[in-house]
Amino acid sequence: MRDQLEDAHQHSDAGLGRAHHRVKSDLPKRFYKDVSVLAVDGGFTVALDGRPVKTPGKIAVVVPVAEIATVMAAEWAAQGEFINPDPMPMVRLINSALESGEKMIPAFREEVLKFAAGDALLYRAEAPQTLVDEQEASWDAALVTLARHFGVSFQPTIGIIHQAQPAATLARLGDSLQAEGLLVMTALVSITGLTGSGLLAIGLLHKLFTPDQVWAAAHVDEDHQIRAWRQDEEAAERRVKRRLEFDTAANVLEWLRN
């Protein structure tokens, strides 16, 4: 189960193996010329030279909305001489979901709620005061919005000592995820892992926050450190890649809700 949850976090089931960092000799050569989107039973798929794509486990890749298939097709079309899964976040996310299967929905729901129960928004810094103020300005507003929408309460704390949240709050948040399907829950697990916040992921699902608001709230601490110490080039590159993964999952939520 842990391996499957990590796949959903990292979108690492690419249909091309799980290793992200490869030399060209390890990558398969592009074997197709044309990429298209086809309407099929149950939704839409991507075809390479007219042949519908499949996951590593030979599962047919069918998604319910055309927007997702269109992005996947663009990722396949953008490949050069070799097929590199790294710049294919939508392909990796959808393959991860389909490889996990419906049986993993309860585990994905539990993972999001586990993060929410010990959420980053609930644990505040003691110092410096500038960081304390920034956390309060961003995170208090988010908690108030969530509390009002769901009719619940939260118990934030200072420091890292565990603070249990009201059982009724966690139950209500869990109820809000009960009807969600595989693609939504896979996207939510990804967003939760990328932001460190199940609360922000749930709020995004329910349109309480915009993607930009979620990203900003999730990076209050990191942004404070950057202003104080600057950001090295490698960290900046990692953040750009994480934002691409985040936007991919956020788009899946948006398109499925619409």
Protein backbone atom coordinates (compact mmCIF):
# COMPACT_ATOMS: atom_id res chain seq x y z
CA MET A 1 0.00 0.00 0.00
CA ARG A 2 2.76 2.47 0.85
CA ASP A 3 4.34 1.97 -2.57
CA GLN A 4 1.06 2.74 -4.28
CA LEU A 5 0.51 5.83 -2.14
CA GLU A 6 3.98 7.07 -3.01
CA ASP A 7 3.23 6.50 -6.69
CA ALA A 8 0.19 8.73 -6.36
CA HIS A 9 2.25 11.36 -4.53
CA GLN A 10 5.01 11.42 -7.11
CA HIS A 11 3.19 10.42 -10.33
CA SER A 12 6.01 7.97 -10.88
CA ASP A 13 4.13 5.31 -12.83
CA ALA A 14 4.90 6.79 -16.21
CA GLY A 15 4.24 3.83 -18.48
CA LEU A 16 7.97 3.87 -19.09
CA GLY A 17 9.31 2.62 -15.76
CA ARG A 18 9.64 4.43 -12.45
CA ALA A 19 13.13 5.89 -12.58
CA HIS A 20 13.11 9.65 -13.04
CA HIS A 21 16.79 10.32 -13.58
CA ARG A 22 18.08 8.48 -16.59
CA VAL A 23 20.69 8.88 -19.25
CA LYS A 24 19.52 8.89 -22.83
CA SER A 25 20.72 5.35 -23.42
CA ASP A 26 18.19 4.15 -20.82
CA LEU A 27 15.26 5.90 -22.49
CA PRO A 28 13.20 4.26 -25.25
CA LYS A 29 13.29 5.87 -28.65
CA ARG A 30 10.18 7.59 -29.90
CA PHE A 31 8.32 5.01 -31.98
CA TYR A 32 5.37 7.09 -33.23
CA LYS A 33 4.78 10.09 -35.46
CA ASP A 34 1.19 11.15 -34.96
CA VAL A 35 -0.63 11.85 -31.67
CA SER A 36 -4.39 12.29 -31.48
CA VAL A 37 -7.29 12.37 -29.05
CA LEU A 38 -10.09 9.87 -29.65
CA ALA A 39 -13.60 9.69 -28.24
CA VAL A 40 -14.22 6.16 -26.95
CA ASP A 41 -16.68 4.37 -24.70
CA GLY A 42 -16.40 5.97 -21.27
CA GLY A 43 -14.67 9.16 -22.38
CA PHE A 44 -11.48 9.97 -24.27
CA THR A 45 -8.11 8.43 -24.94
CA VAL A 46 -4.80 9.30 -26.59
CA ALA A 47 -3.70 7.44 -29.70
CA LEU A 48 -0.15 7.11 -31.00
CA ASP A 49 -0.26 6.48 -34.75
CA GLY A 50 -3.89 5.54 -34.27
CA ARG A 51 -3.29 3.04 -31.45
CA PRO A 52 -4.79 3.89 -28.03
CA VAL A 53 -2.19 4.14 -25.27
CA LYS A 54 -2.09 1.82 -22.27
CA THR A 55 -0.51 1.92 -18.83
CA PRO A 56 2.50 -0.26 -17.89
CA GLY A 57 0.05 -2.91 -16.70
CA LYS A 58 -1.71 -2.85 -20.08
CA ILE A 59 -4.74 -0.96 -18.77
CA ALA A 60 -6.52 1.11 -21.40
CA VAL A 61 -6.08 4.81 -20.67
CA VAL A 62 -9.56 6.33 -20.77
CA VAL A 63 -10.36 9.61 -19.04
CA PRO A 64 -13.80 11.18 -18.58
CA VAL A 65 -13.06 14.68 -19.91
CA ALA A 66 -11.44 15.83 -23.14
CA GLU A 67 -9.21 18.42 -21.44
CA ILE A 68 -7.21 15.75 -19.62
CA ALA A 69 -6.73 13.71 -22.79
CA THR A 70 -5.70 16.84 -24.69
CA VAL A 71 -2.94 17.62 -22.18
CA MET A 72 -1.74 14.02 -22.25
CA ALA A 73 -1.63 14.14 -26.04
CA ALA A 74 0.42 17.34 -25.95
CA GLU A 75 2.91 15.70 -23.57
CA TRP A 76 3.30 12.72 -25.92
CA ALA A 77 3.61 15.01 -28.94
CA ALA A 78 6.31 17.11 -27.26
CA GLN A 79 8.66 14.16 -26.87
CA GLY A 80 11.83 14.29 -28.94
CA GLU A 81 14.02 11.47 -30.19
CA PHE A 82 13.72 9.69 -26.83
CA ILE A 83 10.68 9.32 -24.59
CA ASN A 84 11.37 10.93 -21.23
CA PRO A 85 8.61 10.67 -18.58
CA ASP A 86 9.89 13.59 -16.51
CA PRO A 87 8.14 16.34 -18.53
CA MET A 88 4.90 14.30 -18.74
CA PRO A 89 3.15 15.05 -15.43
CA MET A 90 -0.38 14.42 -16.70
CA VAL A 91 0.56 11.09 -18.26
CA ARG A 92 2.25 10.05 -15.03
CA LEU A 93 -0.65 11.17 -12.84
CA ILE A 94 -3.31 9.38 -14.88
CA ASN A 95 -1.23 6.21 -15.26
CA SER A 96 -0.63 6.21 -11.50
CA ALA A 97 -4.36 6.45 -10.85
CA LEU A 98 -5.30 3.70 -13.27
CA GLU A 99 -2.53 1.40 -12.06
CA SER A 100 -3.65 1.93 -8.45
CA GLY A 101 -7.26 1.08 -9.22
CA GLU A 102 -10.53 1.75 -7.44
CA LYS A 103 -9.46 -0.45 -4.53
CA MET A 104 -7.04 2.27 -3.44
CA ILE A 105 -9.65 5.02 -3.01
CA PRO A 106 -10.14 4.36 0.75
CA ALA A 107 -6.36 4.41 1.30
CA PHE A 108 -6.03 7.67 -0.62
CA ARG A 109 -8.86 9.18 1.42
CA GLU A 110 -7.16 8.05 4.63
CA GLU A 111 -3.87 9.58 3.49
CA VAL A 112 -5.41 13.01 2.89
CA LEU A 113 -7.20 12.91 6.24
CA LYS A 114 -4.01 11.83 8.03
CA PHE A 115 -2.30 14.95 6.74
CA ALA A 116 -5.30 17.07 7.69
CA ALA A 117 -5.23 15.72 11.25
CA GLY A 118 -1.65 16.90 11.70
CA ASP A 119 -1.75 19.64 9.13
CA ALA A 120 1.07 22.11 8.57
CA LEU A 121 -1.47 24.94 8.98
CA LEU A 122 -2.11 23.84 12.57
CA TYR A 123 1.48 23.99 13.83
CA ARG A 124 2.87 27.49 14.24
CA ALA A 125 6.35 28.87 14.78
CA GLU A 126 7.31 30.54 18.05
CA ALA A 127 9.81 32.85 16.36
CA PRO A 128 10.90 34.94 14.56
CA GLN A 129 7.99 37.33 14.83
CA THR A 130 7.98 38.07 11.12
CA LEU A 131 7.33 34.39 10.39
CA VAL A 132 4.71 34.19 13.14
CA ASP A 133 2.90 37.13 11.56
CA GLU A 134 3.10 35.66 8.06
CA GLN A 135 1.72 32.30 9.22
CA GLU A 136 -1.13 33.96 11.07
CA ALA A 137 -2.05 36.16 8.12
CA SER A 138 -2.17 33.28 5.64
CA TRP A 139 -3.11 30.25 7.70
CA ASP A 140 -5.67 31.78 10.06
CA ALA A 141 -7.66 33.03 7.08
CA ALA A 142 -7.57 29.57 5.50
CA LEU A 143 -8.70 27.86 8.71
CA VAL A 144 -11.55 30.34 9.17
CA THR A 145 -12.73 29.71 5.60
CA LEU A 146 -12.64 25.94 6.11
CA ALA A 147 -14.33 26.14 9.51
CA ARG A 148 -17.20 28.23 8.17
CA HIS A 149 -17.72 26.09 5.09
CA PHE A 150 -17.76 22.74 6.91
CA GLY A 151 -19.17 23.93 10.24
CA VAL A 152 -16.17 22.65 12.19
CA SER A 153 -13.45 23.94 14.50
CA PHE A 154 -9.68 23.56 14.59
CA GLN A 155 -7.14 23.62 17.40
CA PRO A 156 -3.89 25.20 16.16
CA THR A 157 -0.86 25.05 18.42
CA ILE A 158 2.58 26.56 18.76
CA GLY A 159 5.55 24.24 18.31
CA ILE A 160 5.65 20.62 17.19
CA ILE A 161 4.00 18.80 20.11
CA HIS A 162 1.04 16.83 18.78
CA GLN A 163 -2.31 18.57 19.14
CA ALA A 164 -5.32 16.35 18.51
CA GLN A 165 -8.06 17.86 16.40
CA PRO A 166 -11.75 17.48 17.28
CA ALA A 167 -13.11 14.10 16.18
CA ALA A 168 -16.17 15.80 14.72
CA THR A 169 -13.95 17.96 12.53
CA LEU A 170 -12.08 14.99 11.08
CA ALA A 171 -15.31 13.08 10.58
CA ARG A 172 -16.86 15.99 8.68
CA LEU A 173 -13.80 16.35 6.47
CA GLY A 174 -13.85 12.61 5.82
CA ASP A 175 -17.51 12.78 4.83
CA SER A 176 -16.68 15.48 2.30
CA LEU A 177 -14.47 12.99 0.43
CA GLN A 178 -16.73 9.96 0.47
CA ALA A 179 -18.24 10.47 -2.96
CA GLU A 180 -14.98 11.23 -4.76
CA GLY A 181 -13.69 8.85 -7.40
CA LEU A 182 -10.26 7.52 -8.32
CA LEU A 183 -8.94 10.41 -10.41
CA VAL A 184 -10.04 13.04 -7.90
CA MET A 185 -8.53 11.16 -4.98
CA THR A 186 -5.26 10.55 -6.84
CA ALA A 187 -5.04 14.26 -7.62
CA LEU A 188 -5.82 15.12 -3.98
CA VAL A 189 -3.08 12.80 -2.69
CA SER A 190 -0.64 14.45 -5.07
CA ILE A 191 -1.65 17.97 -3.97
CA THR A 192 -1.48 16.94 -0.32
CA GLY A 193 2.02 15.56 -0.73
CA LEU A 194 3.24 18.57 -2.69
CA THR A 195 1.85 21.11 -0.22
CA GLY A 196 2.13 19.17 3.02
CA SER A 197 -1.50 20.06 3.73
CA GLY A 198 -4.59 17.92 3.53
CA LEU A 199 -6.66 20.96 4.57
CA LEU A 200 -5.51 23.04 1.63
CA ALA A 201 -6.13 20.13 -0.74
CA ILE A 202 -9.68 19.68 0.57
CA GLY A 203 -10.27 23.43 0.35
CA LEU A 204 -9.10 23.46 -3.26
CA LEU A 205 -11.42 20.58 -4.10
CA HIS A 206 -14.38 22.54 -2.73
CA LYS A 207 -13.33 25.77 -4.48
CA LEU A 208 -12.68 27.55 -1.19
CA PHE A 209 -9.23 28.58 -2.44
CA THR A 210 -7.63 29.18 -5.80
CA PRO A 211 -4.56 27.17 -6.81
CA ASP A 212 -2.39 30.26 -6.35
CA GLN A 213 -3.74 30.77 -2.83
CA VAL A 214 -3.04 27.15 -1.94
CA TRP A 215 0.49 27.31 -3.33
CA ALA A 216 1.24 30.55 -1.48
CA ALA A 217 -0.13 29.23 1.83
CA ALA A 218 1.87 26.03 1.47
CA HIS A 219 5.10 27.99 1.02
CA VAL A 220 4.87 30.59 3.78
CA ASP A 221 7.80 29.04 5.67
CA GLU A 222 9.89 28.44 2.56
CA ASP A 223 9.30 31.93 1.22
CA HIS A 224 10.30 33.41 4.57
CA GLN A 225 13.57 31.48 4.42
CA ILE A 226 14.19 32.61 0.84
CA ARG A 227 13.79 36.23 1.80
CA ALA A 228 16.19 35.74 4.69
CA TRP A 229 18.83 33.54 3.03
CA ARG A 230 18.01 33.54 -0.69
CA GLN A 231 17.29 30.43 -2.71
CA ASP A 232 19.90 28.32 -4.44
CA GLU A 233 19.49 27.37 -8.08
CA GLU A 234 18.84 23.69 -7.43
CA ALA A 235 16.09 24.45 -4.92
CA ALA A 236 14.52 26.88 -7.37
CA GLU A 237 14.48 24.21 -10.08
CA ARG A 238 12.86 21.71 -7.72
CA ARG A 239 10.18 24.23 -6.86
CA VAL A 240 9.39 24.87 -10.52
CA LYS A 241 8.98 21.12 -11.10
CA ARG A 242 6.79 20.77 -8.01
CA ARG A 243 4.61 23.62 -9.18
CA LEU A 244 4.12 21.90 -12.53
CA GLU A 245 3.03 18.72 -10.73
CA PHE A 246 0.73 20.78 -8.52
CA ASP A 247 -0.87 22.63 -11.43
CA THR A 248 -1.42 19.34 -13.24
CA ALA A 249 -3.31 17.85 -10.29
CA ALA A 250 -5.21 21.10 -9.70
CA ASN A 251 -6.31 21.13 -13.34
CA VAL A 252 -7.59 17.56 -13.03
CA LEU A 253 -9.75 18.64 -10.09
CA GLU A 254 -11.06 21.66 -11.97
CA TRP A 255 -11.91 19.80 -15.14
CA LEU A 256 -13.57 16.90 -13.34
CA ARG A 257 -15.72 19.25 -11.24
CA ASN A 258 -16.86 21.07 -14.35
